[in-house]
Amino acid sequence: MALPRGFSEADAKEMYAGLRDLGDDFFCPLVGGDIGTWDGRLAISLTILATPGPGGAVLRSGTRVGDAICVTGSLGAAWQTERHLTFAPRVAERLILAQYGLHYMIDVSDGLAIDLGHVCEASGVGADVQAPVVPIHPNALSRPGRRRGLRTAVYAATGPGRAAACRPAAGRCARDGNRHDRRRHRANASPGRRAAARASGQRLAARNLMMNEETFTTSSPAGTAELGRTLAGRLRAGDCVALTGDLGAGKTALVRGIAQGLGLADDRMVSSPTYVLVQEYPATVPVYHLDLYRMASPEAEIGELGLEEMLADGVVLIEWAERAEAALPRPRWRISIDITSRRGRRFLLSRAE
């Protein structure tokens, strides 16, 4: 632990007491550690050592066809309400459940769909989630309505809350569905309506099963570029991607990743085309990068840029696309970027059929 200069002894002792109390809750003693001071901010590096309990470790790769999908609490809206900073790890529940010979377990930290995707990939199976019985946290339901709440519960970073649905007194877990023998998972949003989604091994991808949308989150410019490389695999010549978001949201970083994914060898070529309007990158599939921010009359001027010729052989990526919404060719893709923290970003991607 590196303390900033001027950090009081009382605060240091309080921090130590908090770590000790948390450890005591889980029979985990606090052992050793190095403490120093420096000119930077408070920095803490914590290592937790553990050994498997009776019966050994329960892995995500042990899933079998026919296994139930259960959770130990309600889901959704954790990061918006900061419940992800106050949750209690489900160690006690894990010790109880492990007595019943479970085939697989995983923590739900990135959303039910994403972490369930990790299970599917590790086990080589698929999953069928019955959306009406997914336990949604009241914070998610208030954002507003069950449909929006379900989207938040399934796809947003969740972090389990303190109230668990699986207690010795209850004797059961909330059941979300059954597994199927295929490498896909899907959700039954309502009676008679079903939508499919691929299981993804990356924390970035999760499809909104009720709408034709996908939500992604990143925590750094490098993560945004990685997301762009992932999305590039879905693009082909003739696609137009409309990018919207505030200044500094990461539109250019996303374009850099997309261009890399489409075969651009030197990503240093990618920069915001604010003053030149259009930049072309010689990728395997040509990439045309537009910025409408400084256009005086973008809806009138964009027709003079030759979009039809660009779309004939390449992919067109348009920053500040909202400034010429009516004049754009129908975007096949639309990506809206929200700033969630100094480095965190949330991307809402929708696809026009």
Protein backbone atom coordinates (compact mmCIF):
# COMPACT_ATOMS: atom_id res chain seq x y z
CA MET A 1 0.00 0.00 0.00
CA ALA A 2 1.46 3.36 -1.09
CA LEU A 3 0.05 6.24 0.94
CA PRO A 4 0.09 9.80 -0.41
CA ARG A 5 2.24 12.13 1.65
CA GLY A 6 0.19 13.73 4.39
CA PHE A 7 -2.10 10.70 4.75
CA SER A 8 -2.99 10.61 8.44
CA GLU A 9 -2.10 7.74 10.74
CA ALA A 10 -5.74 7.55 11.85
CA ASP A 11 -6.93 7.05 8.27
CA ALA A 12 -4.27 4.38 7.69
CA LYS A 13 -5.41 2.49 10.80
CA GLU A 14 -9.06 2.80 9.73
CA MET A 15 -8.23 1.35 6.32
CA TYR A 16 -6.37 -1.55 7.94
CA ALA A 17 -9.31 -2.19 10.28
CA GLY A 18 -11.71 -2.28 7.34
CA LEU A 19 -9.57 -4.82 5.49
CA ARG A 20 -9.26 -6.94 8.62
CA ASP A 21 -13.01 -6.88 9.29
CA LEU A 22 -13.79 -7.91 5.72
CA GLY A 23 -11.31 -10.74 5.94
CA ASP A 24 -12.77 -11.93 9.23
CA ASP A 25 -16.22 -12.20 7.60
CA PHE A 26 -14.82 -14.92 5.33
CA PHE A 27 -12.29 -16.52 7.71
CA CYS A 28 -9.52 -14.92 5.67
CA PRO A 29 -6.74 -13.49 7.85
CA LEU A 30 -4.87 -10.38 6.79
CA VAL A 31 -1.21 -11.38 6.58
CA GLY A 32 1.75 -9.08 6.12
CA GLY A 33 2.12 -6.34 3.57
CA ASP A 34 4.40 -3.43 2.70
CA ILE A 35 3.38 0.16 3.44
CA GLY A 36 5.16 3.22 2.12
CA THR A 37 4.56 6.84 1.15
CA TRP A 38 4.98 8.60 -2.17
CA ASP A 39 3.99 11.76 -4.07
CA GLY A 40 1.17 10.08 -6.00
CA ARG A 41 -2.37 9.09 -5.06
CA LEU A 42 -3.38 6.26 -2.76
CA ALA A 43 -2.43 2.93 -4.37
CA ILE A 44 -3.36 -0.50 -3.01
CA SER A 45 -2.43 -3.92 -4.37
CA LEU A 46 -4.22 -6.81 -2.68
CA THR A 47 -3.63 -10.53 -3.24
CA ILE A 48 -6.11 -13.17 -2.05
CA LEU A 49 -4.93 -16.78 -1.75
CA ALA A 50 -7.43 -19.63 -1.52
CA THR A 51 -7.65 -23.40 -1.77
CA PRO A 52 -10.57 -25.46 -3.14
CA GLY A 53 -13.18 -26.58 -0.65
CA PRO A 54 -14.43 -30.15 -0.18
CA GLY A 55 -14.96 -31.80 -3.55
CA GLY A 56 -12.56 -29.49 -5.36
CA ALA A 57 -13.13 -26.40 -7.46
CA VAL A 58 -16.38 -26.01 -9.41
CA LEU A 59 -15.45 -24.73 -12.90
CA ARG A 60 -17.43 -22.98 -15.62
CA SER A 61 -16.37 -25.72 -18.03
CA GLY A 62 -18.27 -28.51 -16.27
CA THR A 63 -21.72 -27.61 -17.62
CA ARG A 64 -23.84 -30.42 -19.00
CA VAL A 65 -26.83 -30.39 -21.34
CA GLY A 66 -29.97 -30.14 -19.22
CA ASP A 67 -28.38 -28.25 -16.31
CA ALA A 68 -30.49 -25.48 -14.83
CA ILE A 69 -29.36 -21.85 -14.83
CA CYS A 70 -29.74 -20.30 -11.39
CA VAL A 71 -28.68 -17.05 -9.76
CA THR A 72 -28.42 -16.12 -6.09
CA GLY A 73 -29.88 -12.63 -6.25
CA SER A 74 -31.58 -9.97 -8.35
CA LEU A 75 -29.77 -8.39 -11.29
CA GLY A 76 -29.36 -5.06 -13.01
CA ALA A 77 -28.40 -1.37 -12.64
CA ALA A 78 -25.55 -2.08 -10.20
CA TRP A 79 -23.02 0.29 -11.72
CA GLN A 80 -25.60 3.09 -12.07
CA THR A 81 -26.47 2.83 -8.38
CA GLU A 82 -22.96 1.84 -7.15
CA ARG A 83 -24.21 -1.45 -5.73
CA HIS A 84 -21.15 -2.99 -7.38
CA LEU A 85 -19.08 -1.18 -4.71
CA THR A 86 -21.03 -2.52 -1.72
CA PHE A 87 -22.00 -6.11 -2.54
CA ALA A 88 -21.05 -9.04 -0.34
CA PRO A 89 -19.18 -11.85 -2.14
CA ARG A 90 -21.33 -15.02 -2.24
CA VAL A 91 -18.82 -17.22 -0.44
CA ALA A 92 -21.35 -18.61 2.06
CA GLU A 93 -23.84 -19.42 -0.69
CA ARG A 94 -21.13 -21.09 -2.74
CA LEU A 95 -20.16 -23.36 0.18
CA ILE A 96 -23.78 -24.39 0.65
CA LEU A 97 -24.51 -24.97 -3.03
CA ALA A 98 -21.30 -26.93 -3.62
CA GLN A 99 -22.61 -29.65 -1.31
CA TYR A 100 -25.20 -30.55 -3.93
CA GLY A 101 -22.72 -31.53 -6.63
CA LEU A 102 -23.10 -28.57 -8.96
CA HIS A 103 -21.54 -28.99 -12.39
CA TYR A 104 -20.59 -25.35 -13.01
CA MET A 105 -20.42 -21.96 -11.28
CA ILE A 106 -19.42 -18.43 -12.28
CA ASP A 107 -19.69 -14.98 -10.73
CA VAL A 108 -22.01 -12.55 -12.49
CA SER A 109 -19.87 -9.44 -12.66
CA ASP A 110 -20.32 -8.31 -16.28
CA GLY A 111 -23.98 -9.16 -16.81
CA LEU A 112 -25.91 -12.41 -17.10
CA ALA A 113 -25.57 -12.66 -20.89
CA ILE A 114 -21.82 -12.03 -20.97
CA ASP A 115 -20.90 -14.35 -18.11
CA LEU A 116 -23.33 -16.99 -19.33
CA GLY A 117 -21.54 -16.68 -22.67
CA HIS A 118 -18.27 -17.51 -20.93
CA VAL A 119 -19.88 -20.65 -19.50
CA CYS A 120 -21.25 -21.66 -22.90
CA GLU A 121 -17.88 -21.23 -24.60
CA ALA A 122 -15.96 -23.11 -21.89
CA SER A 123 -18.45 -25.99 -21.85
CA GLY A 124 -19.33 -26.23 -25.55
CA VAL A 125 -23.07 -25.97 -24.94
CA GLY A 126 -25.81 -23.41 -25.46
CA ALA A 127 -28.32 -21.79 -23.11
CA ASP A 128 -32.01 -20.94 -23.17
CA VAL A 129 -32.96 -18.10 -20.83
CA GLN A 130 -36.63 -17.57 -19.97
CA ALA A 131 -36.71 -13.78 -19.73
CA PRO A 132 -39.98 -13.42 -17.76
CA VAL A 133 -38.48 -15.17 -14.72
CA VAL A 134 -35.11 -13.40 -14.64
CA PRO A 135 -35.02 -11.78 -11.15
CA ILE A 136 -34.65 -8.04 -11.76
CA HIS A 137 -33.44 -5.68 -9.04
CA PRO A 138 -35.87 -2.84 -8.15
CA ASN A 139 -33.22 -0.31 -9.18
CA ALA A 140 -33.32 -1.71 -12.71
CA LEU A 141 -37.11 -1.86 -12.80
CA SER A 142 -37.28 1.83 -12.07
CA ARG A 143 -35.33 2.72 -15.24
CA PRO A 144 -38.25 2.44 -16.42
CA GLY A 145 -40.40 -0.69 -16.92
CA ARG A 146 -39.64 -4.40 -16.99
CA ARG A 147 -38.43 -4.44 -20.59
CA ARG A 148 -35.77 -1.78 -19.94
CA GLY A 149 -35.04 -3.37 -16.59
CA LEU A 150 -34.58 -6.79 -18.20
CA ARG A 151 -32.18 -5.31 -20.72
CA THR A 152 -30.19 -3.78 -17.87
CA ALA A 153 -30.28 -6.98 -15.82
CA VAL A 154 -29.12 -9.21 -18.65
CA TYR A 155 -26.58 -6.97 -20.34
CA ALA A 156 -25.27 -4.34 -17.94
CA ALA A 157 -22.53 -5.01 -15.44
CA THR A 158 -24.46 -6.25 -12.46
CA GLY A 159 -22.53 -7.20 -9.35
CA PRO A 160 -24.74 -9.25 -7.02
CA GLY A 161 -26.67 -7.34 -4.38
CA ARG A 162 -26.70 -8.27 -0.72
CA ALA A 163 -30.14 -9.92 -0.82
CA ALA A 164 -29.74 -13.49 -2.04
CA ALA A 165 -32.53 -15.60 -3.50
CA CYS A 166 -30.67 -18.79 -2.54
CA ARG A 167 -30.65 -19.23 1.23
CA PRO A 168 -30.87 -22.39 3.35
CA ALA A 169 -34.37 -21.31 4.46
CA ALA A 170 -35.55 -20.81 0.89
CA GLY A 171 -33.97 -24.02 -0.31
CA ARG A 172 -33.91 -23.03 -3.97
CA CYS A 173 -32.44 -20.66 -6.51
CA ALA A 174 -34.32 -18.52 -9.00
CA ARG A 175 -34.33 -20.57 -12.18
CA ASP A 176 -33.71 -18.78 -15.48
CA GLY A 177 -33.91 -21.62 -18.02
CA ASN A 178 -32.33 -24.78 -19.40
CA ARG A 179 -29.30 -25.49 -21.55
CA HIS A 180 -29.37 -26.81 -25.07
CA ASP A 181 -26.72 -28.72 -26.99
CA ARG A 182 -25.56 -25.98 -29.34
CA ARG A 183 -23.03 -23.18 -29.10
CA ARG A 184 -25.63 -20.42 -28.85
CA HIS A 185 -27.71 -18.90 -26.11
CA ARG A 186 -31.04 -17.21 -26.51
CA ALA A 187 -33.78 -15.58 -24.48
CA ASN A 188 -37.52 -16.03 -24.59
CA ALA A 189 -38.59 -12.41 -24.18
CA SER A 190 -42.34 -13.07 -24.10
CA PRO A 191 -44.76 -15.88 -24.98
CA GLY A 192 -44.42 -16.68 -28.67
CA ARG A 193 -41.46 -14.39 -29.21
CA ARG A 194 -37.85 -15.56 -29.21
CA ALA A 195 -34.61 -13.95 -30.30
CA ALA A 196 -31.21 -15.58 -30.71
CA ALA A 197 -27.75 -14.36 -29.69
CA ARG A 198 -24.29 -15.85 -30.09
CA ALA A 199 -22.41 -16.77 -26.96
CA SER A 200 -19.36 -14.54 -26.70
CA GLY A 201 -16.14 -15.26 -24.84
CA GLN A 202 -15.32 -11.55 -24.65
CA ARG A 203 -16.69 -9.28 -21.96
CA LEU A 204 -17.40 -6.65 -24.61
CA ALA A 205 -20.24 -8.29 -26.51
CA ALA A 206 -23.84 -8.85 -25.44
CA ARG A 207 -26.93 -8.68 -27.65
CA ASN A 208 -30.14 -7.04 -26.55
CA LEU A 209 -32.60 -9.86 -27.12
CA MET A 210 -35.75 -7.75 -27.06
CA MET A 211 -34.57 -5.03 -29.45
CA ASN A 212 -32.21 -5.03 -32.39
CA GLU A 213 -29.50 -3.48 -30.24
CA GLU A 214 -26.26 -4.40 -28.51
CA THR A 215 -24.59 -2.73 -25.53
CA PHE A 216 -20.83 -2.67 -24.97
CA THR A 217 -18.68 -1.15 -22.25
CA THR A 218 -14.99 -0.26 -22.23
CA SER A 219 -12.71 1.18 -19.56
CA SER A 220 -9.88 2.68 -21.64
CA PRO A 221 -9.05 3.97 -25.15
CA ALA A 222 -7.26 0.66 -25.77
CA GLY A 223 -10.45 -1.18 -24.85
CA THR A 224 -12.41 1.05 -27.23
CA ALA A 225 -9.98 0.22 -30.05
CA GLU A 226 -10.31 -3.48 -29.20
CA LEU A 227 -14.09 -3.13 -29.45
CA GLY A 228 -13.62 -1.54 -32.88
CA ARG A 229 -11.54 -4.51 -34.03
CA THR A 230 -14.29 -6.84 -32.83
CA LEU A 231 -16.98 -4.89 -34.67
CA ALA A 232 -14.93 -4.82 -37.87
CA GLY A 233 -15.61 -8.52 -38.34
CA ARG A 234 -19.27 -7.67 -38.94
CA LEU A 235 -18.72 -4.98 -41.55
CA ARG A 236 -18.44 -5.31 -45.30
CA ALA A 237 -18.21 -2.99 -48.31
CA GLY A 238 -21.37 -0.93 -48.61
CA ASP A 239 -21.90 -0.51 -44.87
CA CYS A 240 -22.44 2.96 -43.45
CA VAL A 241 -21.80 3.43 -39.71
CA ALA A 242 -23.24 6.52 -38.00
CA LEU A 243 -21.28 7.51 -34.86
CA THR A 244 -22.78 9.85 -32.26
CA GLY A 245 -21.45 11.07 -28.92
CA ASP A 246 -20.00 14.09 -27.13
CA LEU A 247 -16.52 15.48 -27.67
CA GLY A 248 -13.95 13.11 -26.22
CA ALA A 249 -16.34 10.15 -26.16
CA GLY A 250 -13.95 7.98 -28.16
CA LYS A 251 -15.34 8.01 -31.70
CA THR A 252 -11.90 8.26 -33.31
CA ALA A 253 -10.47 5.53 -31.06
CA LEU A 254 -13.33 3.28 -32.16
CA VAL A 255 -12.65 4.12 -35.82
CA ARG A 256 -8.97 3.30 -35.30
CA GLY A 257 -9.88 -0.17 -34.07
CA ILE A 258 -12.37 -0.75 -36.89
CA ALA A 259 -9.77 0.27 -39.47
CA GLN A 260 -7.25 -2.13 -37.91
CA GLY A 261 -9.82 -4.92 -37.98
CA LEU A 262 -10.49 -4.23 -41.66
CA GLY A 263 -6.80 -4.63 -42.50
CA LEU A 264 -5.16 -1.21 -42.02
CA ALA A 265 -1.49 -1.92 -41.34
CA ASP A 266 -0.51 1.50 -39.93
CA ASP A 267 -3.13 2.79 -37.49
CA ARG A 268 -1.13 6.03 -37.05
CA MET A 269 -2.91 7.19 -40.19
CA VAL A 270 -6.17 7.39 -38.27
CA SER A 271 -7.02 10.79 -36.83
CA SER A 272 -10.10 12.94 -36.57
CA PRO A 273 -10.86 14.39 -40.05
CA THR A 274 -12.41 17.51 -38.53
CA TYR A 275 -10.68 19.92 -40.91
CA VAL A 276 -10.38 17.75 -44.03
CA LEU A 277 -13.92 16.28 -43.81
CA VAL A 278 -12.95 12.89 -45.27
CA GLN A 279 -9.96 10.62 -44.79
CA GLU A 280 -9.40 7.36 -46.68
CA TYR A 281 -7.47 4.48 -45.12
CA PRO A 282 -6.02 1.79 -47.39
CA ALA A 283 -7.31 -1.24 -45.53
CA THR A 284 -8.23 -4.58 -47.10
CA VAL A 285 -11.71 -3.08 -47.32
CA PRO A 286 -11.26 0.68 -47.95
CA VAL A 287 -12.33 2.78 -44.96
CA TYR A 288 -13.73 6.28 -45.46
CA HIS A 289 -13.71 8.35 -42.28
CA LEU A 290 -15.96 11.43 -42.20
CA ASP A 291 -16.49 14.14 -39.59
CA LEU A 292 -19.47 16.50 -39.87
CA TYR A 293 -18.65 18.58 -36.78
CA ARG A 294 -17.42 21.71 -38.58
CA MET A 295 -19.76 21.62 -41.55
CA ALA A 296 -21.83 24.81 -41.64
CA SER A 297 -24.81 23.10 -43.30
CA PRO A 298 -24.08 19.37 -43.11
CA GLU A 299 -27.41 18.18 -44.50
CA ALA A 300 -26.87 20.32 -47.62
CA GLU A 301 -23.14 19.70 -48.00
CA ILE A 302 -22.86 15.98 -47.36
CA GLY A 303 -24.34 15.17 -50.77
CA GLU A 304 -21.26 16.73 -52.41
CA LEU A 305 -18.83 14.32 -50.73
CA GLY A 306 -19.62 11.36 -53.00
CA LEU A 307 -20.93 8.91 -50.41
CA GLU A 308 -22.36 6.62 -53.09
CA GLU A 309 -18.90 6.14 -54.60
CA MET A 310 -17.38 5.41 -51.20
CA LEU A 311 -20.06 2.86 -50.35
CA ALA A 312 -19.55 1.10 -53.69
CA ASP A 313 -16.25 -0.40 -52.55
CA GLY A 314 -15.72 0.46 -48.90
CA VAL A 315 -17.04 1.08 -45.40
CA VAL A 316 -18.07 4.62 -44.44
CA LEU A 317 -17.68 5.73 -40.80
CA ILE A 318 -19.32 9.09 -39.98
CA GLU A 319 -18.59 11.03 -36.80
CA TRP A 320 -21.22 13.54 -35.60
CA ALA A 321 -23.71 11.81 -37.89
CA GLU A 322 -26.63 13.33 -35.96
CA ARG A 323 -25.91 16.68 -37.66
CA ALA A 324 -27.10 15.30 -41.01
CA GLU A 325 -29.47 12.57 -39.95
CA ALA A 326 -32.04 13.12 -42.70
CA ALA A 327 -29.45 13.38 -45.49
CA LEU A 328 -27.46 10.24 -44.68
CA PRO A 329 -27.90 7.02 -46.62
CA ARG A 330 -29.86 4.69 -44.37
CA PRO A 331 -27.14 3.61 -41.92
CA ARG A 332 -26.74 -0.12 -41.65
CA TRP A 333 -25.16 0.51 -38.24
CA ARG A 334 -25.63 3.22 -35.65
CA ILE A 335 -23.31 3.53 -32.63
CA SER A 336 -24.16 5.95 -29.81
CA ILE A 337 -21.41 6.55 -27.22
CA ASP A 338 -22.01 7.68 -23.62
CA ILE A 339 -19.28 8.80 -21.23
CA THR A 340 -19.79 6.89 -17.96
CA SER A 341 -16.59 7.96 -16.16
CA ARG A 342 -13.23 9.57 -16.89
CA ARG A 343 -12.17 6.50 -18.88
CA GLY A 344 -15.34 4.44 -19.02
CA ARG A 345 -17.53 4.39 -22.10
CA ARG A 346 -20.83 2.69 -22.97
CA PHE A 347 -21.67 1.94 -26.61
CA LEU A 348 -25.21 1.29 -27.84
CA LEU A 349 -25.12 -0.30 -31.27
CA SER A 350 -28.23 -0.74 -33.40
CA ARG A 351 -28.54 -2.30 -36.82
CA ALA A 352 -30.97 -1.31 -39.56
CA GLU A 353 -32.41 -4.36 -41.30
